[in-house]
Every structure is written in structure tokens, then in C-alpha cells.
Protein backbone atom coordinates (compact mmCIF):
# COMPACT_ATOMS: atom_id res chain seq x y z
CA UNK A 1 38.36 -30.48 -42.86
CA UNK A 2 39.01 -27.88 -39.85
CA UNK A 3 42.41 -28.27 -38.55
CA UNK A 4 43.22 -26.60 -34.95
CA UNK A 5 45.65 -23.65 -35.19
CA UNK A 6 45.04 -22.96 -38.91
CA UNK A 7 46.18 -19.81 -40.38
CA UNK A 8 43.39 -17.47 -41.82
CA UNK A 9 42.94 -17.77 -45.59
CA UNK A 10 42.38 -15.19 -47.96
CA UNK A 11 42.86 -14.64 -51.70
CA UNK A 12 46.68 -14.15 -51.31
CA UNK A 13 47.01 -17.90 -50.98
CA UNK A 14 45.59 -18.35 -54.70
CA UNK A 15 47.94 -19.18 -57.68
CA UNK A 16 47.24 -17.39 -61.27
CA UNK A 17 47.71 -19.51 -64.24
CA UNK A 18 48.96 -17.25 -67.13
CA UNK A 19 46.69 -14.42 -65.35
CA UNK A 20 43.42 -16.00 -66.73
CA UNK A 21 42.13 -18.71 -64.08
CA UNK A 22 42.44 -18.54 -60.40
CA UNK A 23 43.46 -21.69 -58.80
CA UNK A 24 43.22 -22.08 -55.11
CA UNK A 25 45.56 -24.39 -52.96
CA UNK A 26 44.24 -26.92 -50.40
CA UNK A 27 44.12 -25.32 -46.96
CA UNK A 28 44.60 -28.48 -44.83
CA UNK A 29 47.56 -29.41 -47.02
CA UNK A 30 48.91 -25.72 -46.98
CA UNK A 31 48.77 -25.73 -43.06
CA UNK A 32 51.21 -28.87 -43.29
CA UNK A 33 53.57 -26.96 -45.59
CA UNK A 34 52.27 -28.64 -48.95
CA UNK A 35 51.10 -26.99 -51.95
CA UNK A 36 48.36 -28.95 -53.55
CA UNK A 37 45.69 -27.50 -55.90
CA UNK A 38 42.26 -27.47 -54.35
CA UNK A 39 39.62 -29.81 -56.12
CA UNK A 40 36.56 -28.80 -54.26
CA UNK A 41 35.25 -26.38 -51.71
CA UNK A 42 33.45 -27.27 -48.51
CA UNK A 43 30.67 -24.60 -47.55
CA UNK A 44 30.23 -25.90 -44.19
CA UNK A 45 33.84 -25.39 -43.25
CA UNK A 46 34.44 -22.52 -45.55
CA UNK A 47 37.86 -23.95 -47.06
CA UNK A 48 39.32 -25.22 -50.12
CA UNK A 49 40.37 -29.10 -50.29
CA UNK A 50 42.08 -31.29 -52.54
CA UNK A 51 40.90 -34.54 -53.60
CA UNK A 52 42.70 -36.74 -50.99
CA UNK A 53 41.36 -34.47 -48.30
CA UNK A 54 38.02 -34.60 -49.79
CA UNK A 55 38.03 -38.34 -49.52
CA UNK A 56 38.81 -38.11 -45.66
CA UNK A 57 36.34 -35.15 -45.24
CA UNK A 58 33.37 -37.52 -46.47
CA UNK A 59 34.62 -40.47 -44.60
CA UNK A 60 34.48 -38.67 -40.99
CA UNK A 61 31.34 -38.72 -39.33
CA UNK A 62 31.66 -35.01 -38.29
CA UNK A 63 31.92 -33.98 -41.78
CA UNK A 64 30.43 -36.53 -43.99
CA UNK A 65 27.13 -34.54 -44.45
CA UNK A 66 28.81 -31.23 -45.10
CA UNK A 67 27.93 -29.26 -48.27
CA UNK A 68 30.66 -29.74 -50.94
CA UNK A 69 31.05 -27.73 -54.33
CA UNK A 70 32.87 -29.35 -57.08
CA UNK A 71 35.84 -27.70 -58.81
CA UNK A 72 33.48 -26.07 -61.31
CA UNK A 73 31.15 -24.78 -58.67
CA UNK A 74 33.89 -23.51 -56.36
CA UNK A 75 33.62 -19.88 -55.35
CA UNK A 76 36.09 -17.10 -56.60
CA UNK A 77 37.08 -16.53 -53.07
CA UNK A 78 36.70 -17.80 -49.66
CA UNK A 79 33.80 -16.09 -47.79
CA UNK A 80 34.52 -14.08 -44.74
CA UNK A 81 33.17 -15.57 -41.59
CA UNK A 82 32.21 -13.28 -38.76
CA UNK A 83 32.89 -16.44 -36.25
CA UNK A 84 32.18 -20.06 -35.91
CA UNK A 85 28.57 -21.08 -34.56
CA UNK A 86 28.70 -22.98 -31.29
CA UNK A 87 24.94 -23.70 -30.90
CA UNK A 88 24.10 -27.40 -30.94
CA UNK A 89 21.50 -28.84 -32.94
CA UNK A 90 18.29 -29.50 -30.94
CA UNK A 91 17.88 -33.06 -32.99
CA UNK A 92 21.43 -34.23 -33.44
CA UNK A 93 22.90 -33.11 -30.27
CA UNK A 94 26.68 -33.59 -31.20
CA UNK A 95 26.33 -31.40 -34.43
CA UNK A 96 26.57 -27.55 -34.61
CA UNK A 97 23.95 -25.44 -36.42
CA UNK A 98 25.17 -24.07 -39.70
CA UNK A 99 22.06 -24.10 -42.02
CA UNK A 100 19.06 -22.21 -42.44
CA UNK A 101 15.95 -23.53 -44.42
CA UNK A 102 14.24 -20.91 -46.08
CA UNK A 103 11.22 -22.84 -46.91
CA UNK A 104 10.54 -23.85 -43.31
CA UNK A 105 12.02 -20.92 -41.64
CA UNK A 106 14.26 -23.33 -39.34
CA UNK A 107 17.84 -23.87 -38.65
CA UNK A 108 19.70 -27.17 -38.35
CA UNK A 109 22.97 -29.08 -38.75
CA UNK A 110 24.04 -30.85 -41.97
CA UNK A 111 22.19 -34.13 -40.96
CA UNK A 112 18.98 -32.04 -40.66
CA UNK A 113 19.22 -30.66 -44.02
CA UNK A 114 20.17 -34.29 -45.62
CA UNK A 115 17.33 -35.80 -43.79
CA UNK A 116 14.42 -33.44 -43.59
CA UNK A 117 15.19 -30.54 -46.21
CA UNK A 118 16.64 -32.32 -49.24
CA UNK A 119 14.37 -30.41 -51.65
CA UNK A 120 14.13 -27.18 -49.69
CA UNK A 121 16.21 -23.89 -50.44
CA UNK A 122 19.09 -24.14 -47.71
CA UNK A 123 21.61 -21.53 -46.88
CA UNK A 124 24.51 -20.99 -44.40
CA UNK A 125 23.44 -19.35 -41.14
CA UNK A 126 26.37 -16.87 -41.59
CA UNK A 127 25.02 -15.85 -45.03
CA UNK A 128 21.61 -15.42 -43.83
CA UNK A 129 22.51 -13.58 -40.88
CA UNK A 130 24.17 -10.94 -42.87
CA UNK A 131 20.93 -9.86 -44.66
CA UNK A 132 18.70 -10.76 -41.80
CA UNK A 133 19.96 -7.71 -39.62
CA UNK A 134 18.79 -5.18 -42.49
CA UNK A 135 15.77 -7.11 -43.58
CA UNK A 136 12.52 -5.13 -43.82
CA UNK A 137 10.65 -7.44 -41.25
CA UNK A 138 13.28 -7.07 -38.80
CA UNK A 139 13.56 -3.24 -39.09
CA UNK A 140 9.74 -3.18 -38.70
CA UNK A 141 10.01 -5.27 -35.65
CA UNK A 142 12.64 -3.12 -34.15
CA UNK A 143 10.48 -0.11 -34.79
CA UNK A 144 7.46 -1.61 -33.09
CA UNK A 145 9.64 -2.91 -30.15
CA UNK A 146 10.92 0.64 -29.79
CA UNK A 147 7.33 2.05 -29.89
CA UNK A 148 6.22 -0.63 -27.10
CA UNK A 149 9.25 0.14 -24.92
CA UNK A 150 8.28 4.04 -25.14
CA UNK A 151 4.71 3.08 -24.44
CA UNK A 152 5.84 0.81 -21.42
CA UNK A 153 8.04 3.69 -20.23
CA UNK A 154 5.14 6.19 -20.47
CA UNK A 155 2.69 3.69 -18.59
CA UNK A 156 5.28 3.03 -16.01
CA UNK A 157 5.55 7.00 -15.41
CA UNK A 158 1.71 7.21 -15.24
CA UNK A 159 1.73 4.49 -12.61
CA UNK A 160 4.51 6.14 -10.55
CA UNK A 161 2.45 9.41 -10.87
CA UNK A 162 -0.76 7.56 -9.71
CA UNK A 163 1.21 6.06 -6.86
CA UNK A 164 2.35 9.37 -5.75
CA UNK A 165 -1.14 10.95 -6.09
CA UNK A 166 -2.61 7.99 -4.11
CA UNK A 167 -0.05 8.50 -1.25
CA UNK A 168 -0.67 12.34 -1.13
CA UNK A 169 -4.40 11.90 -1.01
CA UNK A 170 -4.00 9.25 1.90
CA UNK A 171 -1.64 11.87 3.68
CA UNK A 172 -4.54 14.40 3.05
CA UNK A 173 -7.33 12.19 4.30
CA UNK A 174 -5.34 11.03 7.41
CA UNK A 175 -4.63 14.53 8.32
CA UNK A 176 -8.05 15.76 7.96
CA UNK A 177 -9.47 12.76 10.00
CA UNK A 178 -6.98 13.86 12.63
CA UNK A 179 -8.23 17.30 12.63
CA UNK A 180 -11.66 16.26 12.82
CA UNK A 181 -11.06 13.86 15.72
CA UNK A 182 -9.40 16.56 17.61
CA UNK A 183 -12.44 19.02 16.86
CA UNK A 184 -14.71 16.28 18.06
CA UNK A 185 -12.65 15.59 21.35
CA UNK A 186 -12.58 19.27 21.81
CA UNK A 187 -16.40 19.54 21.31
CA UNK A 188 -17.06 16.50 23.70
CA UNK A 189 -14.65 18.14 26.47
CA UNK A 190 -16.43 21.47 26.18
CA UNK A 191 -19.92 19.68 26.25
CA UNK A 192 -18.72 17.79 29.25
CA UNK A 193 -17.73 20.79 31.20
CA UNK A 194 -20.92 22.57 30.52
CA UNK A 195 -22.96 19.59 31.69
CA UNK A 196 -20.98 19.17 34.90
CA UNK A 197 -21.26 22.77 35.52
CA UNK A 198 -25.12 22.80 34.99
CA UNK A 199 -25.28 19.59 37.15
CA UNK A 200 -23.37 21.50 40.04
CA UNK A 201 -25.46 24.47 39.71
CA UNK A 202 -28.81 22.37 39.85
CA UNK A 203 -27.73 20.22 42.65
CA UNK A 204 -26.39 23.34 44.56
CA UNK A 205 -29.71 24.90 44.07
CA UNK A 206 -31.71 21.84 44.95
CA UNK A 207 -29.59 21.46 48.03
CA UNK A 208 -30.29 25.01 48.96
CA UNK A 209 -34.13 24.60 48.57
CA UNK A 210 -34.17 21.63 50.51
CA UNK A 211 -32.19 23.12 53.22
CA UNK A 212 -34.39 26.02 53.34
CA UNK A 213 -37.52 23.71 53.58
CA UNK A 214 -35.66 21.87 56.21
CA UNK A 215 -35.30 24.99 58.47
CA UNK A 216 -38.87 25.91 57.75
CA UNK A 217 -40.11 22.64 59.07
CA UNK A 218 -37.89 22.96 62.07
CA UNK A 219 -39.29 26.26 62.78
CA UNK A 220 -42.93 25.01 62.29
CA UNK A 221 -42.10 22.05 64.69
CA UNK A 222 -40.90 24.59 67.37
CA UNK A 223 -43.96 26.79 66.81
CA UNK A 224 -46.18 23.66 67.34
CA UNK A 225 -44.37 22.54 70.55
CA UNK A 226 -44.60 26.00 71.97
CA UNK A 227 -48.40 26.28 70.88
CA UNK A 228 -48.95 22.67 72.46
CA UNK A 229 -47.24 23.88 75.75
CA UNK A 230 -49.51 27.12 75.77
CA UNK A 231 -52.43 24.91 75.37
CA UNK A 232 -51.49 22.43 78.18
CA UNK A 233 -50.88 25.41 80.51
CA UNK A 234 -54.14 27.14 79.69
CA UNK A 235 -55.87 23.77 80.32
CA UNK A 236 -54.11 23.49 83.77
CA UNK A 237 -55.21 26.83 84.66
CA UNK A 238 -58.88 26.03 83.73
CA UNK A 239 -58.92 22.94 85.79
CA UNK A 240 -57.59 24.70 88.84
CA UNK A 241 -60.31 27.47 88.37
CA UNK A 242 -63.05 25.01 88.48
């Protein structure tokens, strides 16, 4: 039975009988200053308890399903705990997860083990966690994860290189398009200037030719008027002579 503010327990709290058998004191009673021999060991709470405390332990709802070892089954020392588990059971929401079922590879509280895993191989989560970190399967998983992380980093590097190459290609194409556009504009400007010059030359020549023809026509009209006048004058002279 867990008591708030309890002192840490170790082998120094055990009593030796004639140097042959270790006898442990009840930890809850020890916290109250009483030295009473332990008659059982609660694996769930990881503490030695006497008969009166065991009765109370089995009556309380929070500890009635704890795993209890009799005096003959008690361990030679209290197991060191890394720290209490605070994860609540997904089935019994007021109970803390403390056990691992090796047959079903699942965790649960004391109620889960009693109701659903009576015939299974059940261990404390703290005990399993010690060997879990060094298990061959976990070591392989860690190696695979490290390999995947390296591959992901490599793929990310390739993606960044691809993005950079794409940006550089875009800049190059845009620059070439700009240069090509400038060349087209320059070509069109030169072509326009040449066409305008040619048109000016053609129109100037045409105007010159038309002006020359106009002068010739005026000259011809003058000549025809003079010829007409001469004919009229000659006709008058002839009439007078008759």
C-alpha cells in the first residue's frame, strides 16, 4: 500500500536472523515508526507488507487487484524502480498501466490482467522496459529508422538541388527570351526605318516624275495655243486677200 512521503527502501532495512535468512520489515508500518516483519510482497507497489497491511491492501478498491507474492515467494530484495508510471488505462480509466502481457503484446492495469489475461504470461511494465530497450527487434528498428532518416535527408537534398537547378534554368530562359525580344525589336525597328526610307525615295521620285510630266503638258498646251493663234492669223490674212 503506497503512502505519501514514504522513505526509499533498500536492503539496509532488512533484519538478519542468525546470519542465515533475510527478513524484511513492513514498509507501511516502518513509515509510521513500527518494526513489523513483512509477510508478503506487492509487485504492483514494489513493497513489503505485513499481514494487517495485506488485509487492508486487498480491501481497498485501488489495490485489491494488485499482484501479491506470499512470504515463500517474496524476492530477496526490493526491485529498483525508475519511476512510477502515470499512464492511465484505456479500459479502466481510474487505474494506472502497470503490466505487460507477453502473449498479446499489450499493456494494462491490474483489473485488465485479472479479467482478460488470467492465463497469460504477465510482467511488470518496469521489468519489461529494461530489456525492451536492448531487444534485437528494437535495435533493428532503430537501425532501420536511422537508415530511413539518412535516405530522407538525401532525398531532401536532391529536392533542394532540383529546386535550385529549376530556378537557375528559369532565370536563364527568361534572360534568353529578353535578349531574343530585344533582337526582334531591333530588327523590326531597322526594317521599319528601311521601309520608310524606301517609301520616301519612291514617293519623291514619283512626285518628281509627275511634276516633270505636268510641266511638259503645260508646255504642250502653250505650244498648241500659239499654233492655234498662228492658224487663226493666217486664216484671217487669207480671207482678206480673197
